[in-house]
Amino acid sequence: MIDALISSVAVVVLGIIKLYYWVIIISAILSWVRPDPYNPIVQMLDRLTQPAYALVRRFIPTVVGGIDLAPLIIIFILIFLETFLARIFAGML
């Protein structure tokens, strides 16, 4: 019973991390083409990504030669977090 609960929580948490990973990638690609800022999808992506970008930018200056490295840093953090949590959840089962 507990194994099923832990397994279910693991799937949901790892799925949320993977979804946010794709949100960051889509937002970064859209930033290259200058999308319409009034588009609801663009606004939603901005609301989802800007807090994470601001957190990274507070600790690490991420603009190098006009290129913002915050999305790349966040993707590396998400990959680390996903791998770390997957190992922890696997150890619990």
PDB file of N, CA and C in Angstrom:
ATOM      1  N   MET A   1       0.829  -1.192   0.000  1.00  0.00           N
ATOM      2  CA  MET A   1       0.000   0.000   0.000  1.00  0.00           C
ATOM      3  C   MET A   1       0.879   1.264   0.000  1.00  0.00           C
ATOM      4  N   ILE A   2       1.861   1.290   0.895  1.00  0.00           N
ATOM      5  CA  ILE A   2       2.767   2.441   0.972  1.00  0.00           C
ATOM      6  C   ILE A   2       3.610   2.526  -0.295  1.00  0.00           C
ATOM      7  N   ASP A   3       4.024   1.374  -0.835  1.00  0.00           N
ATOM      8  CA  ASP A   3       4.803   1.373  -2.070  1.00  0.00           C
ATOM      9  C   ASP A   3       4.028   1.995  -3.219  1.00  0.00           C
ATOM     10  N   ALA A   4       2.740   1.697  -3.290  1.00  0.00           N
ATOM     11  CA  ALA A   4       1.905   2.259  -4.357  1.00  0.00           C
ATOM     12  C   ALA A   4       1.776   3.771  -4.190  1.00  0.00           C
ATOM     13  N   LEU A   5       1.639   4.232  -2.953  1.00  0.00           N
ATOM     14  CA  LEU A   5       1.530   5.670  -2.694  1.00  0.00           C
ATOM     15  C   LEU A   5       2.824   6.383  -3.069  1.00  0.00           C
ATOM     16  N   ILE A   6       3.950   5.837  -2.651  1.00  0.00           N
ATOM     17  CA  ILE A   6       5.249   6.442  -2.975  1.00  0.00           C
ATOM     18  C   ILE A   6       5.473   6.438  -4.478  1.00  0.00           C
ATOM     19  N   SER A   7       5.133   5.349  -5.129  1.00  0.00           N
ATOM     20  CA  SER A   7       5.290   5.258  -6.573  1.00  0.00           C
ATOM     21  C   SER A   7       4.418   6.293  -7.286  1.00  0.00           C
ATOM     22  N   SER A   8       3.204   6.472  -6.836  1.00  0.00           N
ATOM     23  CA  SER A   8       2.296   7.448  -7.435  1.00  0.00           C
ATOM     24  C   SER A   8       2.793   8.870  -7.236  1.00  0.00           C
ATOM     25  N   VAL A   9       3.255   9.177  -6.041  1.00  0.00           N
ATOM     26  CA  VAL A   9       3.801  10.509  -5.763  1.00  0.00           C
ATOM     27  C   VAL A   9       5.035  10.751  -6.620  1.00  0.00           C
ATOM     28  N   ALA A  10       5.863   9.739  -6.768  1.00  0.00           N
ATOM     29  CA  ALA A  10       7.073   9.867  -7.583  1.00  0.00           C
ATOM     30  C   ALA A  10       6.716  10.173  -9.028  1.00  0.00           C
ATOM     31  N   VAL A  11       5.734   9.481  -9.566  1.00  0.00           N
ATOM     32  CA  VAL A  11       5.342   9.709 -10.956  1.00  0.00           C
ATOM     33  C   VAL A  11       4.817  11.128 -11.140  1.00  0.00           C
ATOM     34  N   VAL A  12       4.008  11.598 -10.203  1.00  0.00           N
ATOM     35  CA  VAL A  12       3.451  12.951 -10.314  1.00  0.00           C
ATOM     36  C   VAL A  12       4.553  14.004 -10.193  1.00  0.00           C
ATOM     37  N   VAL A  13       5.417  13.885  -9.200  1.00  0.00           N
ATOM     38  CA  VAL A  13       6.482  14.872  -8.989  1.00  0.00           C
ATOM     39  C   VAL A  13       7.441  14.900 -10.180  1.00  0.00           C
ATOM     40  N   LEU A  14       7.864  13.742 -10.646  1.00  0.00           N
ATOM     41  CA  LEU A  14       8.778  13.688 -11.784  1.00  0.00           C
ATOM     42  C   LEU A  14       8.101  14.179 -13.065  1.00  0.00           C
ATOM     43  N   GLY A  15       6.805  13.948 -13.192  1.00  0.00           N
ATOM     44  CA  GLY A  15       6.060  14.461 -14.338  1.00  0.00           C
ATOM     45  C   GLY A  15       5.973  15.979 -14.335  1.00  0.00           C
ATOM     46  N   ILE A  16       5.775  16.561 -13.156  1.00  0.00           N
ATOM     47  CA  ILE A  16       5.725  18.025 -13.038  1.00  0.00           C
ATOM     48  C   ILE A  16       7.082  18.625 -13.391  1.00  0.00           C
ATOM     49  N   ILE A  17       8.153  18.001 -12.942  1.00  0.00           N
ATOM     50  CA  ILE A  17       9.496  18.493 -13.267  1.00  0.00           C
ATOM     51  C   ILE A  17       9.720  18.427 -14.779  1.00  0.00           C
ATOM     52  N   LYS A  18       9.342  17.320 -15.408  1.00  0.00           N
ATOM     53  CA  LYS A  18       9.516  17.166 -16.860  1.00  0.00           C
ATOM     54  C   LYS A  18       8.654  18.181 -17.618  1.00  0.00           C
ATOM     55  N   LEU A  19       7.439  18.420 -17.154  1.00  0.00           N
ATOM     56  CA  LEU A  19       6.569  19.423 -17.784  1.00  0.00           C
ATOM     57  C   LEU A  19       7.182  20.816 -17.693  1.00  0.00           C
ATOM     58  N   TYR A  20       7.712  21.176 -16.531  1.00  0.00           N
ATOM     59  CA  TYR A  20       8.332  22.495 -16.369  1.00  0.00           C
ATOM     60  C   TYR A  20       9.587  22.618 -17.227  1.00  0.00           C
ATOM     61  N   TYR A  21      10.290  21.529 -17.389  1.00  0.00           N
ATOM     62  CA  TYR A  21      11.458  21.481 -18.276  1.00  0.00           C
ATOM     63  C   TYR A  21      11.041  21.904 -19.688  1.00  0.00           C
ATOM     64  N   TRP A  22       9.929  21.355 -20.179  1.00  0.00           N
ATOM     65  CA  TRP A  22       9.452  21.698 -21.515  1.00  0.00           C
ATOM     66  C   TRP A  22       8.907  23.118 -21.579  1.00  0.00           C
ATOM     67  N   VAL A  23       8.301  23.597 -20.504  1.00  0.00           N
ATOM     68  CA  VAL A  23       7.826  24.986 -20.466  1.00  0.00           C
ATOM     69  C   VAL A  23       9.011  25.939 -20.627  1.00  0.00           C
ATOM     70  N   ILE A  24      10.111  25.653 -19.947  1.00  0.00           N
ATOM     71  CA  ILE A  24      11.314  26.487 -20.051  1.00  0.00           C
ATOM     72  C   ILE A  24      11.857  26.461 -21.480  1.00  0.00           C
ATOM     73  N   ILE A  25      11.925  25.286 -22.084  1.00  0.00           N
ATOM     74  CA  ILE A  25      12.438  25.171 -23.444  1.00  0.00           C
ATOM     75  C   ILE A  25      11.552  25.931 -24.432  1.00  0.00           C
ATOM     76  N   ILE A  26      10.247  25.767 -24.338  1.00  0.00           N
ATOM     77  CA  ILE A  26       9.330  26.460 -25.246  1.00  0.00           C
ATOM     78  C   ILE A  26       9.423  27.963 -25.053  1.00  0.00           C
ATOM     79  N   SER A  27       9.503  28.405 -23.817  1.00  0.00           N
ATOM     80  CA  SER A  27       9.616  29.839 -23.544  1.00  0.00           C
ATOM     81  C   SER A  27      10.915  30.407 -24.111  1.00  0.00           C
ATOM     82  N   ALA A  28      11.997  29.677 -23.985  1.00  0.00           N
ATOM     83  CA  ALA A  28      13.288  30.143 -24.518  1.00  0.00           C
ATOM     84  C   ALA A  28      13.252  30.224 -26.041  1.00  0.00           C
ATOM     85  N   ILE A  29      12.666  29.234 -26.688  1.00  0.00           N
ATOM     86  CA  ILE A  29      12.572  29.255 -28.149  1.00  0.00           C
ATOM     87  C   ILE A  29      11.674  30.402 -28.611  1.00  0.00           C
ATOM     88  N   LEU A  30      10.560  30.620 -27.918  1.00  0.00           N
ATOM     89  CA  LEU A  30       9.670  31.727 -28.282  1.00  0.00           C
ATOM     90  C   LEU A  30      10.338  33.082 -28.105  1.00  0.00           C
ATOM     91  N   SER A  31      11.252  33.184 -27.166  1.00  0.00           N
ATOM     92  CA  SER A  31      11.915  34.470 -26.951  1.00  0.00           C
ATOM     93  C   SER A  31      12.800  34.854 -28.136  1.00  0.00           C
ATOM     94  N   TRP A  32      13.184  33.896 -28.955  1.00  0.00           N
ATOM     95  CA  TRP A  32      14.006  34.183 -30.127  1.00  0.00           C
ATOM     96  C   TRP A  32      13.216  34.845 -31.254  1.00  0.00           C
ATOM     97  N   VAL A  33      11.889  34.598 -31.293  1.00  0.00           N
ATOM     98  CA  VAL A  33      11.090  35.079 -32.425  1.00  0.00           C
ATOM     99  C   VAL A  33      10.224  36.287 -32.091  1.00  0.00           C
ATOM    100  N   ARG A  34      10.326  36.818 -30.911  1.00  0.00           N
ATOM    101  CA  ARG A  34       9.548  37.983 -30.494  1.00  0.00           C
ATOM    102  C   ARG A  34       8.047  37.766 -30.695  1.00  0.00           C
ATOM    103  N   PRO A  35       7.433  36.913 -29.894  1.00  0.00           N
ATOM    104  CA  PRO A  35       6.000  36.638 -30.064  1.00  0.00           C
ATOM    105  C   PRO A  35       5.151  37.818 -29.588  1.00  0.00           C
ATOM    106  N   ASP A  36       3.898  37.797 -29.951  1.00  0.00           N
ATOM    107  CA  ASP A  36       2.952  38.827 -29.534  1.00  0.00           C
ATOM    108  C   ASP A  36       2.791  38.769 -28.011  1.00  0.00           C
ATOM    109  N   PRO A  37       3.158  39.839 -27.279  1.00  0.00           N
ATOM    110  CA  PRO A  37       3.075  39.794 -25.810  1.00  0.00           C
ATOM    111  C   PRO A  37       1.646  39.737 -25.283  1.00  0.00           C
ATOM    112  N   TYR A  38       0.655  39.981 -26.125  1.00  0.00           N
ATOM    113  CA  TYR A  38      -0.741  39.931 -25.694  1.00  0.00           C
ATOM    114  C   TYR A  38      -1.378  38.567 -25.932  1.00  0.00           C
ATOM    115  N   ASN A  39      -0.638  37.666 -26.523  1.00  0.00           N
ATOM    116  CA  ASN A  39      -1.131  36.312 -26.734  1.00  0.00           C
ATOM    117  C   ASN A  39      -1.245  35.616 -25.373  1.00  0.00           C
ATOM    118  N   PRO A  40      -2.400  35.002 -25.071  1.00  0.00           N
ATOM    119  CA  PRO A  40      -2.572  34.363 -23.751  1.00  0.00           C
ATOM    120  C   PRO A  40      -1.553  33.254 -23.457  1.00  0.00           C
ATOM    121  N   ILE A  41      -1.151  32.526 -24.475  1.00  0.00           N
ATOM    122  CA  ILE A  41      -0.175  31.453 -24.251  1.00  0.00           C
ATOM    123  C   ILE A  41       1.184  32.052 -23.873  1.00  0.00           C
ATOM    124  N   VAL A  42       1.575  33.110 -24.557  1.00  0.00           N
ATOM    125  CA  VAL A  42       2.837  33.782 -24.255  1.00  0.00           C
ATOM    126  C   VAL A  42       2.799  34.366 -22.850  1.00  0.00           C
ATOM    127  N   GLN A  43       1.668  34.954 -22.476  1.00  0.00           N
ATOM    128  CA  GLN A  43       1.530  35.514 -21.125  1.00  0.00           C
ATOM    129  C   GLN A  43       1.610  34.422 -20.070  1.00  0.00           C
ATOM    130  N   MET A  44       0.981  33.269 -20.339  1.00  0.00           N
ATOM    131  CA  MET A  44       1.035  32.156 -19.386  1.00  0.00           C
ATOM    132  C   MET A  44       2.471  31.647 -19.233  1.00  0.00           C
ATOM    133  N   LEU A  45       3.173  31.498 -20.357  1.00  0.00           N
ATOM    134  CA  LEU A  45       4.562  31.042 -20.296  1.00  0.00           C
ATOM    135  C   LEU A  45       5.427  32.032 -19.523  1.00  0.00           C
ATOM    136  N   ASP A  46       5.178  33.324 -19.721  1.00  0.00           N
ATOM    137  CA  ASP A  46       5.915  34.352 -18.976  1.00  0.00           C
ATOM    138  C   ASP A  46       5.657  34.238 -17.475  1.00  0.00           C
ATOM    139  N   ARG A  47       4.399  34.067 -17.113  1.00  0.00           N
ATOM    140  CA  ARG A  47       4.065  33.956 -15.679  1.00  0.00           C
ATOM    141  C   ARG A  47       4.669  32.702 -15.063  1.00  0.00           C
ATOM    142  N   LEU A  48       4.814  31.647 -15.843  1.00  0.00           N
ATOM    143  CA  LEU A  48       5.387  30.408 -15.322  1.00  0.00           C
ATOM    144  C   LEU A  48       6.908  30.450 -15.228  1.00  0.00           C
ATOM    145  N   THR A  49       7.563  31.194 -16.114  1.00  0.00           N
ATOM    146  CA  THR A  49       9.021  31.151 -16.162  1.00  0.00           C
ATOM    147  C   THR A  49       9.716  32.326 -15.482  1.00  0.00           C
ATOM    148  N   GLN A  50       9.109  33.487 -15.473  1.00  0.00           N
ATOM    149  CA  GLN A  50       9.792  34.668 -14.947  1.00  0.00           C
ATOM    150  C   GLN A  50      10.194  34.550 -13.471  1.00  0.00           C
ATOM    151  N   PRO A  51       9.382  33.949 -12.591  1.00  0.00           N
ATOM    152  CA  PRO A  51       9.858  33.797 -11.201  1.00  0.00           C
ATOM    153  C   PRO A  51      11.134  32.959 -11.091  1.00  0.00           C
ATOM    154  N   ALA A  52      11.229  31.892 -11.871  1.00  0.00           N
ATOM    155  CA  ALA A  52      12.435  31.057 -11.837  1.00  0.00           C
ATOM    156  C   ALA A  52      13.622  31.813 -12.417  1.00  0.00           C
ATOM    157  N   TYR A  53      13.386  32.535 -13.521  1.00  0.00           N
ATOM    158  CA  TYR A  53      14.462  33.338 -14.113  1.00  0.00           C
ATOM    159  C   TYR A  53      14.957  34.388 -13.117  1.00  0.00           C
ATOM    160  N   ALA A  54      14.025  35.058 -12.442  1.00  0.00           N
ATOM    161  CA  ALA A  54      14.405  36.105 -11.487  1.00  0.00           C
ATOM    162  C   ALA A  54      15.231  35.521 -10.340  1.00  0.00           C
ATOM    163  N   LEU A  55      14.857  34.344  -9.871  1.00  0.00           N
ATOM    164  CA  LEU A  55      15.601  33.694  -8.792  1.00  0.00           C
ATOM    165  C   LEU A  55      17.028  33.376  -9.223  1.00  0.00           C
ATOM    166  N   VAL A  56      17.191  32.836 -10.417  1.00  0.00           N
ATOM    167  CA  VAL A  56      18.535  32.511 -10.914  1.00  0.00           C
ATOM    168  C   VAL A  56      19.341  33.787 -11.126  1.00  0.00           C
ATOM    169  N   ARG A  57      18.706  34.799 -11.708  1.00  0.00           N
ATOM    170  CA  ARG A  57      19.415  36.052 -12.008  1.00  0.00           C
ATOM    171  C   ARG A  57      19.832  36.786 -10.738  1.00  0.00           C
ATOM    172  N   ARG A  58      19.133  36.552  -9.641  1.00  0.00           N
ATOM    173  CA  ARG A  58      19.495  37.205  -8.385  1.00  0.00           C
ATOM    174  C   ARG A  58      20.850  36.713  -7.884  1.00  0.00           C
ATOM    175  N   PHE A  59      21.157  35.440  -8.113  1.00  0.00           N
ATOM    176  CA  PHE A  59      22.391  34.851  -7.608  1.00  0.00           C
ATOM    177  C   PHE A  59      23.505  34.769  -8.644  1.00  0.00           C
ATOM    178  N   ILE A  60      23.137  34.659  -9.917  1.00  0.00           N
ATOM    179  CA  ILE A  60      24.134  34.481 -10.967  1.00  0.00           C
ATOM    180  C   ILE A  60      23.841  35.470 -12.087  1.00  0.00           C
ATOM    181  N   PRO A  61      24.795  36.324 -12.422  1.00  0.00           N
ATOM    182  CA  PRO A  61      24.558  37.186 -13.591  1.00  0.00           C
ATOM    183  C   PRO A  61      24.528  36.311 -14.848  1.00  0.00           C
ATOM    184  N   THR A  62      23.396  36.309 -15.534  1.00  0.00           N
ATOM    185  CA  THR A  62      23.220  35.330 -16.602  1.00  0.00           C
ATOM    186  C   THR A  62      23.259  35.905 -18.001  1.00  0.00           C
ATOM    187  N   VAL A  63      23.463  37.205 -18.134  1.00  0.00           N
ATOM    188  CA  VAL A  63      23.527  37.776 -19.479  1.00  0.00           C
ATOM    189  C   VAL A  63      24.985  37.867 -19.906  1.00  0.00           C
ATOM    190  N   VAL A  64      25.329  37.099 -20.930  1.00  0.00           N
ATOM    191  CA  VAL A  64      26.689  37.072 -21.451  1.00  0.00           C
ATOM    192  C   VAL A  64      26.613  37.426 -22.932  1.00  0.00           C
ATOM    193  N   GLY A  65      27.129  38.586 -23.281  1.00  0.00           N
ATOM    194  CA  GLY A  65      27.109  38.997 -24.682  1.00  0.00           C
ATOM    195  C   GLY A  65      25.710  39.133 -25.242  1.00  0.00           C
ATOM    196  N   GLY A  66      24.760  39.525 -24.424  1.00  0.00           N
ATOM    197  CA  GLY A  66      23.386  39.677 -24.871  1.00  0.00           C
ATOM    198  C   GLY A  66      22.581  38.392 -24.863  1.00  0.00           C
ATOM    199  N   ILE A  67      23.183  37.289 -24.443  1.00  0.00           N
ATOM    200  CA  ILE A  67      22.478  36.009 -24.384  1.00  0.00           C
ATOM    201  C   ILE A  67      22.146  35.708 -22.932  1.00  0.00           C
ATOM    202  N   ASP A  68      20.872  35.423 -22.679  1.00  0.00           N
ATOM    203  CA  ASP A  68      20.421  35.112 -21.326  1.00  0.00           C
ATOM    204  C   ASP A  68      20.631  33.624 -21.059  1.00  0.00           C
ATOM    205  N   LEU A  69      21.432  33.316 -20.059  1.00  0.00           N
ATOM    206  CA  LEU A  69      21.735  31.926 -19.730  1.00  0.00           C
ATOM    207  C   LEU A  69      20.820  31.343 -18.651  1.00  0.00           C
ATOM    208  N   ALA A  70      19.886  32.127 -18.137  1.00  0.00           N
ATOM    209  CA  ALA A  70      18.993  31.649 -17.071  1.00  0.00           C
ATOM    210  C   ALA A  70      18.228  30.393 -17.478  1.00  0.00           C
ATOM    211  N   PRO A  71      17.642  30.317 -18.692  1.00  0.00           N
ATOM    212  CA  PRO A  71      16.947  29.076 -19.054  1.00  0.00           C
ATOM    213  C   PRO A  71      17.861  27.851 -19.041  1.00  0.00           C
ATOM    214  N   LEU A  72      19.077  28.007 -19.504  1.00  0.00           N
ATOM    215  CA  LEU A  72      20.016  26.892 -19.520  1.00  0.00           C
ATOM    216  C   LEU A  72      20.358  26.435 -18.103  1.00  0.00           C
ATOM    217  N   ILE A  73      20.577  27.381 -17.216  1.00  0.00           N
ATOM    218  CA  ILE A  73      20.884  27.049 -15.824  1.00  0.00           C
ATOM    219  C   ILE A  73      19.705  26.343 -15.175  1.00  0.00           C
ATOM    220  N   ILE A  74      18.490  26.826 -15.444  1.00  0.00           N
ATOM    221  CA  ILE A  74      17.298  26.199 -14.868  1.00  0.00           C
ATOM    222  C   ILE A  74      17.122  24.784 -15.418  1.00  0.00           C
ATOM    223  N   ILE A  75      17.387  24.582 -16.692  1.00  0.00           N
ATOM    224  CA  ILE A  75      17.282  23.234 -17.268  1.00  0.00           C
ATOM    225  C   ILE A  75      18.267  22.287 -16.597  1.00  0.00           C
ATOM    226  N   PHE A  76      19.497  22.733 -16.365  1.00  0.00           N
ATOM    227  CA  PHE A  76      20.468  21.886 -15.662  1.00  0.00           C
ATOM    228  C   PHE A  76      20.002  21.575 -14.240  1.00  0.00           C
ATOM    229  N   ILE A  77      19.437  22.554 -13.566  1.00  0.00           N
ATOM    230  CA  ILE A  77      18.915  22.333 -12.209  1.00  0.00           C
ATOM    231  C   ILE A  77      17.782  21.322 -12.233  1.00  0.00           C
ATOM    232  N   LEU A  78      16.884  21.443 -13.212  1.00  0.00           N
ATOM    233  CA  LEU A  78      15.762  20.504 -13.319  1.00  0.00           C
ATOM    234  C   LEU A  78      16.231  19.089 -13.629  1.00  0.00           C
ATOM    235  N   ILE A  79      17.236  18.953 -14.487  1.00  0.00           N
ATOM    236  CA  ILE A  79      17.788  17.622 -14.786  1.00  0.00           C
ATOM    237  C   ILE A  79      18.403  17.013 -13.527  1.00  0.00           C
ATOM    238  N   PHE A  80      19.161  17.819 -12.787  1.00  0.00           N
ATOM    239  CA  PHE A  80      19.749  17.334 -11.538  1.00  0.00           C
ATOM    240  C   PHE A  80      18.652  16.918 -10.559  1.00  0.00           C
ATOM    241  N   LEU A  81      17.644  17.772 -10.398  1.00  0.00           N
ATOM    242  CA  LEU A  81      16.552  17.500  -9.465  1.00  0.00           C
ATOM    243  C   LEU A  81      15.786  16.241  -9.855  1.00  0.00           C
ATOM    244  N   GLU A  82      15.526  16.077 -11.133  1.00  0.00           N
ATOM    245  CA  GLU A  82      14.806  14.893 -11.601  1.00  0.00           C
ATOM    246  C   GLU A  82      15.602  13.621 -11.321  1.00  0.00           C
ATOM    247  N   THR A  83      16.888  13.639 -11.615  1.00  0.00           N
ATOM    248  CA  THR A  83      17.733  12.475 -11.373  1.00  0.00           C
ATOM    249  C   THR A  83      17.851  12.168  -9.890  1.00  0.00           C
ATOM    250  N   PHE A  84      18.063  13.211  -9.089  1.00  0.00           N
ATOM    251  CA  PHE A  84      18.203  13.057  -7.647  1.00  0.00           C
ATOM    252  C   PHE A  84      16.931  12.475  -7.032  1.00  0.00           C
ATOM    253  N   LEU A  85      15.785  13.046  -7.377  1.00  0.00           N
ATOM    254  CA  LEU A  85      14.527  12.566  -6.810  1.00  0.00           C
ATOM    255  C   LEU A  85      14.178  11.164  -7.302  1.00  0.00           C
ATOM    256  N   ALA A  86      14.498  10.858  -8.553  1.00  0.00           N
ATOM    257  CA  ALA A  86      14.237   9.514  -9.070  1.00  0.00           C
ATOM    258  C   ALA A  86      15.028   8.473  -8.284  1.00  0.00           C
ATOM    259  N   ARG A  87      16.270   8.801  -7.954  1.00  0.00           N
ATOM    260  CA  ARG A  87      17.085   7.852  -7.161  1.00  0.00           C
ATOM    261  C   ARG A  87      16.541   7.710  -5.750  1.00  0.00           C
ATOM    262  N   ILE A  88      16.102   8.837  -5.165  1.00  0.00           N
ATOM    263  CA  ILE A  88      15.535   8.769  -3.807  1.00  0.00           C
ATOM    264  C   ILE A  88      14.264   7.920  -3.800  1.00  0.00           C
ATOM    265  N   PHE A  89      13.375   8.196  -4.776  1.00  0.00           N
ATOM    266  CA  PHE A  89      12.129   7.418  -4.840  1.00  0.00           C
ATOM    267  C   PHE A  89      12.410   5.952  -5.109  1.00  0.00           C
ATOM    268  N   ALA A  90      13.389   5.653  -5.951  1.00  0.00           N
ATOM    269  CA  ALA A  90      13.725   4.257  -6.232  1.00  0.00           C
ATOM    270  C   ALA A  90      14.251   3.554  -4.985  1.00  0.00           C
ATOM    271  N   GLY A  91      14.977   4.290  -4.155  1.00  0.00           N
ATOM    272  CA  GLY A  91      15.497   3.723  -2.919  1.00  0.00           C
ATOM    273  C   GLY A  91      14.422   3.463  -1.875  1.00  0.00           C
ATOM    274  N   MET A  92      13.299   4.157  -1.975  1.00  0.00           N
ATOM    275  CA  MET A  92      12.203   3.989  -1.019  1.00  0.00           C
ATOM    276  C   MET A  92      11.357   2.756  -1.333  1.00  0.00           C
ATOM    277  N   LEU A  93      11.417   2.301  -2.566  1.00  0.00           N
ATOM    278  CA  LEU A  93      10.559   1.167  -2.954  1.00  0.00           C
ATOM    279  C   LEU A  93      11.197  -0.160  -2.685  1.00  0.00           C
TER     280      LEU A  93
END
